[in-house]
Amino acid sequence: MRRRYRRLQILPIRDMLGGDGVDMPPQHGTFKRAARARSGDGKAPGQSHQNHNERFAKKIAEV
């Protein structure tokens, strides 16, 4: 059975400092972790950008 949670919850500071918290669903396990993306050359996305920046810097140095 699916549990319902109130969208708006007003809690006094006294209650929050006393240990009470917001009534909400658990934050872990909600979504399946996605596979890490790869670029066309098989490297991670950050690596291909780094190589591009290095090539760009070499072209500027040649000029």
C-alpha atoms as a PDB file:
ATOM      1  CA  MET A   1       0.000   0.000   0.000  1.00  0.00           C
ATOM      2  CA  ARG A   2       1.293   3.429  -0.910  1.00  0.00           C
ATOM      3  CA  ARG A   3       1.700   5.893   1.932  1.00  0.00           C
ATOM      4  CA  ARG A   4       0.617   9.495   1.472  1.00  0.00           C
ATOM      5  CA  TYR A   5       2.648  12.452   2.738  1.00  0.00           C
ATOM      6  CA  ARG A   6       1.414  15.989   3.268  1.00  0.00           C
ATOM      7  CA  ARG A   7       2.835  18.467   0.754  1.00  0.00           C
ATOM      8  CA  LEU A   8       2.904  21.310   3.261  1.00  0.00           C
ATOM      9  CA  GLN A   9       4.046  20.657   6.805  1.00  0.00           C
ATOM     10  CA  ILE A  10       4.427  23.487   9.300  1.00  0.00           C
ATOM     11  CA  LEU A  11       6.636  22.561  12.240  1.00  0.00           C
ATOM     12  CA  PRO A  12       7.519  24.862  15.151  1.00  0.00           C
ATOM     13  CA  ILE A  13      11.222  25.329  15.848  1.00  0.00           C
ATOM     14  CA  ARG A  14      10.682  23.904  19.334  1.00  0.00           C
ATOM     15  CA  ASP A  15       9.459  20.604  17.834  1.00  0.00           C
ATOM     16  CA  MET A  16      12.335  20.418  15.331  1.00  0.00           C
ATOM     17  CA  LEU A  17      14.926  21.041  18.057  1.00  0.00           C
ATOM     18  CA  GLY A  18      13.167  18.425  20.156  1.00  0.00           C
ATOM     19  CA  GLY A  19      13.866  15.774  17.509  1.00  0.00           C
ATOM     20  CA  ASP A  20      10.711  15.846  15.414  1.00  0.00           C
ATOM     21  CA  GLY A  21      11.220  16.063  11.672  1.00  0.00           C
ATOM     22  CA  VAL A  22       9.369  16.367   8.402  1.00  0.00           C
ATOM     23  CA  ASP A  23       7.243  13.366   7.486  1.00  0.00           C
ATOM     24  CA  MET A  24       8.584  12.400   4.039  1.00  0.00           C
ATOM     25  CA  PRO A  25       9.427   9.306   1.997  1.00  0.00           C
ATOM     26  CA  PRO A  26      12.902   7.760   2.283  1.00  0.00           C
ATOM     27  CA  GLN A  27      15.530   9.401   0.080  1.00  0.00           C
ATOM     28  CA  HIS A  28      17.620   6.316  -0.679  1.00  0.00           C
ATOM     29  CA  GLY A  29      16.720   3.692  -3.238  1.00  0.00           C
ATOM     30  CA  THR A  30      14.177   5.845  -5.049  1.00  0.00           C
ATOM     31  CA  PHE A  31      15.880   5.788  -8.464  1.00  0.00           C
ATOM     32  CA  LYS A  32      18.076   3.261 -10.218  1.00  0.00           C
ATOM     33  CA  ARG A  33      21.641   4.528 -10.721  1.00  0.00           C
ATOM     34  CA  ALA A  34      22.393   5.274 -14.384  1.00  0.00           C
ATOM     35  CA  ALA A  35      25.354   3.809 -16.243  1.00  0.00           C
ATOM     36  CA  ARG A  36      28.312   6.150 -16.739  1.00  0.00           C
ATOM     37  CA  ALA A  37      28.233   7.785 -20.160  1.00  0.00           C
ATOM     38  CA  ARG A  38      31.054   7.207 -22.634  1.00  0.00           C
ATOM     39  CA  SER A  39      32.073   9.304 -25.599  1.00  0.00           C
ATOM     40  CA  GLY A  40      32.598   7.896 -29.100  1.00  0.00           C
ATOM     41  CA  ASP A  41      36.275   7.132 -28.459  1.00  0.00           C
ATOM     42  CA  GLY A  42      35.456   5.070 -25.355  1.00  0.00           C
ATOM     43  CA  LYS A  43      36.730   7.597 -22.832  1.00  0.00           C
ATOM     44  CA  ALA A  44      34.755   9.238 -20.064  1.00  0.00           C
ATOM     45  CA  PRO A  45      33.156  12.585 -21.089  1.00  0.00           C
ATOM     46  CA  GLY A  46      35.543  14.725 -19.025  1.00  0.00           C
ATOM     47  CA  GLN A  47      38.568  13.139 -20.655  1.00  0.00           C
ATOM     48  CA  SER A  48      37.485  13.967 -24.211  1.00  0.00           C
ATOM     49  CA  HIS A  49      36.961  17.630 -23.247  1.00  0.00           C
ATOM     50  CA  GLN A  50      40.392  17.718 -21.643  1.00  0.00           C
ATOM     51  CA  ASN A  51      42.000  16.413 -24.852  1.00  0.00           C
ATOM     52  CA  HIS A  52      40.085  19.009 -26.869  1.00  0.00           C
ATOM     53  CA  ASN A  53      41.358  21.786 -24.602  1.00  0.00           C
ATOM     54  CA  GLU A  54      44.940  20.531 -24.921  1.00  0.00           C
ATOM     55  CA  ARG A  55      44.704  20.458 -28.742  1.00  0.00           C
ATOM     56  CA  PHE A  56      43.220  23.966 -28.722  1.00  0.00           C
ATOM     57  CA  ALA A  57      46.078  25.230 -26.533  1.00  0.00           C
ATOM     58  CA  LYS A  58      48.651  23.685 -28.906  1.00  0.00           C
ATOM     59  CA  LYS A  59      47.044  25.402 -31.914  1.00  0.00           C
ATOM     60  CA  ILE A  60      47.161  28.760 -30.151  1.00  0.00           C
ATOM     61  CA  ALA A  61      50.813  28.195 -29.221  1.00  0.00           C
ATOM     62  CA  GLU A  62      51.662  27.489 -32.880  1.00  0.00           C
ATOM     63  CA  VAL A  63      50.234  30.842 -34.007  1.00  0.00           C
END
